[in-house]
Amino acid sequence: MAETIIQACAVEKYYPQADGNRIEVIAPTDLSISPGKIVGLLGPSGSGKSTLLRMLTGLSKPSSGHVLWHGKAMDGHIPNVSIVFQSFALFPWLTVLENVEAPLVARGAGAIERHKRALKMIDTVGLDGFETAYPKELSGGMKQRVGFARALVVEPEVLFMDEPFSALDVLTAENLRSELLELWLNKKMPTTAIFIVTHNIEEAVLLADRVIVLGRNPGRIRSDFEIDIPQYRDRKSPRFLAYVDYIYKTLTRPEEGVSAPGKTAGQSAEGQPRVRTKFQMLPHARPGGIAGFMELLADRNGSEDLYKLADDLAMDVDDLLPIVDASVMLGFAELREGDVAITPEGRAFGEADIQTQKAIFRQAALKHVALLRLIENTLHAKRDRAIGEEFFRDILDEHFSAAEVERQFETALNWGRYAEIFDYDSESKRLFHNEEADTVPSPGNH
């Protein structure tokens, strides 16, 4: 299990009054932040969200209890964290570059080093070309990008965000959320955890791996649960809406004691056992080769001894196996004790015109190939219908060797582009949802 980065142990915040009483803002609370997670903190106004954030970052000392940084007391030491604020908090007399360099200046970094790091981070957040601009020349979204760059330039272990999108218009906020998530998932951010304070329920479900819901008077944790939905998330999916509904009820009707969706260990939001996706090893065969193989089988009355077929073609059977395996995987053929037999789907594929072949291949690929389903679902769920290839390479890396990841991804690209599931730009190394793919005629229309 990964080591906890920040741990709050019975932290409490209260303010003594002249009459001897005290106003309790945060009741004794336990909370931890671990690597590899985006944690969302939700709560009504006045529940102490920002107060709790300040205690976790070391900016405010708890009235009682203590906060540990990697298991050790902070003792007044500010940990390696950064904060992005709602109000941008830029220095109006400094340029974009100077604003981003500011925390490095405070840490005593040399001019060359801070200049290099600031330029890199400005480029990362999409502000390349605006280095010499002043805050008054920037839109709200651009100002917040400067805030992101300034927070990330010090390479914080934990990035804290205090309602970072609430001061922006709806479209700008949505674009920045998508960009933040893409930077995080593609590991372009020099940080190992994110803690975001928000009052937006959908925002929390969209971004967070774990959500903490606070009650108020005094602030205390009402619910702490994982969001069991893979990224990228579809706002219209039943599971997404179930989490939104649960959080809303927790905030407005806490006395009902509703259970979080998917909270039972090993269960999905629908209550079914959760099974980790298994990615088959794709045979390294091209769609054209598979189509040709179907035509060949159809000419031989739909069935043939595999070794005889290889001999007739003057091929080593091992060279023929990837095409056979791919055909079987896609449901176009069956193996029966050394004989390979074409299926009705395979015959339809082999005899169809090119556009119908693409439609049949797309249908079979999305039905039988987990990786292509993942790619299609991910692209469809994203607002801009695009994502960098590194996201899928990282997933494959959990299942295959480095060399096999390359072969698997190349095969997936060949199959997916042929089937018009997605397009691919080799220069930007990004995959794009093929909007025309949804209009490809189904096999039954021909």
Foldseek 3Di string as FASTA:
>chain_A
DFQWFKWFFQFWAWAADPVGDIQTAAGGAIDTFGFPWEEEEAEDPSQCPVVVVCCRQLVDPGPDTAMAGSNHGCVSPGAQEFEQEQVLPFDQVQFLLCRLLVVVVVVVDDPVVSSVLLQVLCVLLPNPPRRGPGPVPDDPLNSSSSSVSSRQSSLGQEYEYEQNLPVDDPVSSLVSLLSVQQCSLLVVGSYGYYYYYHNDLLSCLQRGQKYWYWYPSHTYTLDIAGNPDDPRDACPDPSNVQQSVVNVCCHVPVVVVDDHQPRPPQAHSVGHGDDDDDFDQQQLDFLVLLLVVLLVCVVVVFKDQLVVVCVVVVHDSVVVVSSLVNCVLLVQWDDDPRMIGGDPLVNLLNPDPLLQVLQSLLVSCCVRGPLLVVLLVNLVRDPQSKHAPSSSLVVVVVPDPNVSSVSRVVSSQSSCVSSQQWDADPVRRMIGGRPCSVVRDHNVVD
